[in-house]
Amino acid sequence: MVYLWCIFQVKTMIISETDLNLVLDNEMYARMWNTATLTKIIIVGEDTVVAARASTIFGVPCETIAPPFQ
C-alpha cells in the first residue's frame, strides 16, 4: 500500500468563525497546523475578539468579513 502525502503551503486561510472557535477553544488543534507560510487569516464572521485571539495565537494579521447570507 502506498500513501501519498501532499504538502500545501497556504498563504491565506479562509475559515468560518464557527470553525475557528472550535480550534481556538482547544489550542492543541491550533498547534497541529503548520503555519510557517501563513501570511493572513480571513474569518467569515464579524467577531473582532475572535480575530484578535487568532492573530495572537497564529502570529499573522486576521480580518473579518460578513457572511454572504444574513
N, C-alpha and C. Protein backbone atom coordinates (compact mmCIF):
# COMPACT_ATOMS: atom_id res chain seq x y z
N MET A 1 0.84 -1.17 0.00
CA MET A 1 0.00 0.00 0.00
C MET A 1 0.90 1.24 0.00
N VAL A 2 0.56 2.17 -0.84
CA VAL A 2 1.35 3.39 -0.97
C VAL A 2 0.53 4.56 -0.45
N TYR A 3 1.14 5.35 0.41
CA TYR A 3 0.49 6.56 0.92
C TYR A 3 1.18 7.77 0.31
N LEU A 4 0.41 8.64 -0.24
CA LEU A 4 0.96 9.88 -0.79
C LEU A 4 0.60 11.02 0.13
N TRP A 5 1.57 11.78 0.50
CA TRP A 5 1.33 12.94 1.36
C TRP A 5 1.46 14.19 0.52
N CYS A 6 0.48 15.02 0.55
CA CYS A 6 0.53 16.30 -0.16
C CYS A 6 0.80 17.39 0.86
N ILE A 7 1.76 18.19 0.58
CA ILE A 7 2.08 19.30 1.47
C ILE A 7 1.72 20.59 0.75
N PHE A 8 0.82 21.32 1.36
CA PHE A 8 0.39 22.59 0.79
C PHE A 8 1.00 23.72 1.61
N GLN A 9 1.44 24.74 0.94
CA GLN A 9 1.95 25.92 1.62
C GLN A 9 0.90 27.01 1.50
N VAL A 10 0.06 27.08 2.49
CA VAL A 10 -1.05 28.02 2.49
C VAL A 10 -0.56 29.40 2.91
N LYS A 11 -0.88 30.41 2.13
CA LYS A 11 -0.51 31.79 2.47
C LYS A 11 -1.67 32.52 3.11
N THR A 12 -2.88 32.35 2.57
CA THR A 12 -4.07 32.99 3.12
C THR A 12 -5.09 31.91 3.43
N MET A 13 -5.52 31.86 4.68
CA MET A 13 -6.51 30.87 5.08
C MET A 13 -7.86 31.56 5.26
N ILE A 14 -8.90 31.00 4.67
CA ILE A 14 -10.26 31.49 4.86
C ILE A 14 -11.00 30.45 5.68
N ILE A 15 -11.56 30.87 6.81
CA ILE A 15 -12.21 29.93 7.72
C ILE A 15 -13.44 30.59 8.34
N SER A 16 -14.45 29.80 8.60
CA SER A 16 -15.65 30.36 9.24
C SER A 16 -15.35 30.62 10.72
N GLU A 17 -16.04 31.60 11.26
CA GLU A 17 -15.87 31.95 12.67
C GLU A 17 -16.21 30.76 13.56
N THR A 18 -17.24 30.01 13.21
CA THR A 18 -17.65 28.84 13.99
C THR A 18 -16.54 27.79 14.03
N ASP A 19 -15.96 27.49 12.88
CA ASP A 19 -14.88 26.50 12.83
C ASP A 19 -13.64 27.00 13.56
N LEU A 20 -13.33 28.27 13.41
CA LEU A 20 -12.15 28.82 14.08
C LEU A 20 -12.33 28.80 15.60
N ASN A 21 -13.53 29.05 16.08
CA ASN A 21 -13.78 28.99 17.52
C ASN A 21 -13.48 27.61 18.08
N LEU A 22 -13.81 26.56 17.34
CA LEU A 22 -13.51 25.20 17.79
C LEU A 22 -12.01 25.00 17.95
N VAL A 23 -11.24 25.55 17.03
CA VAL A 23 -9.78 25.45 17.12
C VAL A 23 -9.25 26.28 18.28
N LEU A 24 -9.74 27.49 18.42
CA LEU A 24 -9.25 28.38 19.48
C LEU A 24 -9.60 27.87 20.87
N ASP A 25 -10.72 27.16 20.98
CA ASP A 25 -11.12 26.62 22.28
C ASP A 25 -10.29 25.40 22.67
N ASN A 26 -9.58 24.82 21.74
CA ASN A 26 -8.69 23.70 22.02
C ASN A 26 -7.36 23.97 21.33
N GLU A 27 -6.46 24.62 22.03
CA GLU A 27 -5.21 25.07 21.42
C GLU A 27 -4.34 23.92 20.92
N MET A 28 -4.60 22.70 21.38
CA MET A 28 -3.86 21.55 20.86
C MET A 28 -4.06 21.45 19.35
N TYR A 29 -5.27 21.70 18.88
CA TYR A 29 -5.55 21.66 17.45
C TYR A 29 -4.79 22.77 16.71
N ALA A 30 -4.73 23.94 17.32
CA ALA A 30 -4.03 25.06 16.69
C ALA A 30 -2.55 24.75 16.53
N ARG A 31 -1.98 24.04 17.47
CA ARG A 31 -0.56 23.70 17.39
C ARG A 31 -0.27 22.62 16.35
N MET A 32 -1.30 21.90 15.91
CA MET A 32 -1.12 20.84 14.92
C MET A 32 -0.96 21.42 13.51
N TRP A 33 -1.37 22.64 13.31
CA TRP A 33 -1.31 23.25 11.98
C TRP A 33 0.08 23.81 11.73
N ASN A 34 0.59 23.61 10.54
CA ASN A 34 1.85 24.23 10.14
C ASN A 34 1.52 25.60 9.55
N THR A 35 1.87 26.63 10.27
CA THR A 35 1.53 27.99 9.84
C THR A 35 2.76 28.77 9.38
N ALA A 36 3.83 28.08 9.05
CA ALA A 36 5.08 28.75 8.67
C ALA A 36 4.91 29.66 7.46
N THR A 37 4.08 29.27 6.50
CA THR A 37 3.92 30.07 5.28
C THR A 37 2.69 30.97 5.33
N LEU A 38 1.94 30.89 6.41
CA LEU A 38 0.70 31.66 6.53
C LEU A 38 1.00 33.15 6.69
N THR A 39 0.32 33.99 5.89
CA THR A 39 0.53 35.43 5.97
C THR A 39 -0.72 36.18 6.40
N LYS A 40 -1.90 35.53 6.29
CA LYS A 40 -3.14 36.22 6.66
C LYS A 40 -4.24 35.19 6.88
N ILE A 41 -5.15 35.51 7.81
CA ILE A 41 -6.34 34.69 8.03
C ILE A 41 -7.56 35.58 7.78
N ILE A 42 -8.46 35.09 6.94
CA ILE A 42 -9.73 35.78 6.69
C ILE A 42 -10.82 34.97 7.38
N ILE A 43 -11.54 35.61 8.27
CA ILE A 43 -12.57 34.94 9.06
C ILE A 43 -13.94 35.37 8.55
N VAL A 44 -14.75 34.38 8.16
CA VAL A 44 -16.11 34.67 7.72
C VAL A 44 -16.95 34.77 8.99
N GLY A 45 -17.19 35.99 9.40
CA GLY A 45 -17.89 36.30 10.63
C GLY A 45 -17.56 37.73 11.01
N GLU A 46 -18.15 38.19 12.10
CA GLU A 46 -17.96 39.60 12.44
C GLU A 46 -17.40 39.83 13.84
N ASP A 47 -16.96 38.78 14.52
CA ASP A 47 -16.47 38.91 15.89
C ASP A 47 -14.99 39.30 15.87
N THR A 48 -14.70 40.54 16.20
CA THR A 48 -13.31 41.02 16.17
C THR A 48 -12.48 40.44 17.32
N VAL A 49 -13.14 39.99 18.39
CA VAL A 49 -12.41 39.37 19.50
C VAL A 49 -11.81 38.04 19.04
N VAL A 50 -12.57 37.28 18.27
CA VAL A 50 -12.06 36.02 17.72
C VAL A 50 -10.88 36.30 16.80
N ALA A 51 -10.98 37.33 15.99
CA ALA A 51 -9.88 37.69 15.09
C ALA A 51 -8.63 38.07 15.88
N ALA A 52 -8.80 38.80 16.96
CA ALA A 52 -7.65 39.19 17.78
C ALA A 52 -7.00 37.97 18.43
N ARG A 53 -7.81 37.04 18.92
CA ARG A 53 -7.26 35.80 19.52
C ARG A 53 -6.49 35.00 18.48
N ALA A 54 -7.06 34.85 17.30
CA ALA A 54 -6.41 34.08 16.24
C ALA A 54 -5.10 34.74 15.83
N SER A 55 -5.10 36.05 15.74
CA SER A 55 -3.89 36.78 15.36
C SER A 55 -2.78 36.56 16.38
N THR A 56 -3.14 36.55 17.66
CA THR A 56 -2.17 36.32 18.72
C THR A 56 -1.62 34.90 18.67
N ILE A 57 -2.50 33.92 18.50
CA ILE A 57 -2.07 32.52 18.50
C ILE A 57 -1.24 32.17 17.27
N PHE A 58 -1.68 32.62 16.09
CA PHE A 58 -1.01 32.23 14.85
C PHE A 58 0.06 33.22 14.41
N GLY A 59 0.09 34.41 15.00
CA GLY A 59 1.13 35.38 14.68
C GLY A 59 1.02 36.02 13.31
N VAL A 60 -0.20 36.09 12.78
CA VAL A 60 -0.43 36.72 11.48
C VAL A 60 -1.64 37.64 11.59
N PRO A 61 -1.76 38.64 10.71
CA PRO A 61 -2.93 39.51 10.74
C PRO A 61 -4.20 38.72 10.39
N CYS A 62 -5.28 39.09 11.04
CA CYS A 62 -6.59 38.48 10.76
C CYS A 62 -7.58 39.57 10.42
N GLU A 63 -8.45 39.28 9.48
CA GLU A 63 -9.52 40.22 9.16
C GLU A 63 -10.83 39.46 9.12
N THR A 64 -11.91 40.16 9.40
CA THR A 64 -13.23 39.54 9.36
C THR A 64 -14.01 40.07 8.17
N ILE A 65 -14.83 39.22 7.61
CA ILE A 65 -15.75 39.64 6.55
C ILE A 65 -17.14 39.13 6.93
N ALA A 66 -18.15 39.88 6.58
CA ALA A 66 -19.52 39.49 6.90
C ALA A 66 -19.90 38.27 6.07
N PRO A 67 -20.64 37.34 6.68
CA PRO A 67 -21.12 36.19 5.91
C PRO A 67 -22.00 36.66 4.74
N PRO A 68 -21.97 35.97 3.62
CA PRO A 68 -22.71 36.42 2.44
C PRO A 68 -24.23 36.38 2.61
N PHE A 69 -24.73 35.47 3.44
CA PHE A 69 -26.18 35.33 3.59
C PHE A 69 -26.56 35.60 5.03
N GLN A 70 -27.08 36.78 5.28
CA GLN A 70 -27.50 37.12 6.64
C GLN A 70 -28.96 37.42 6.66
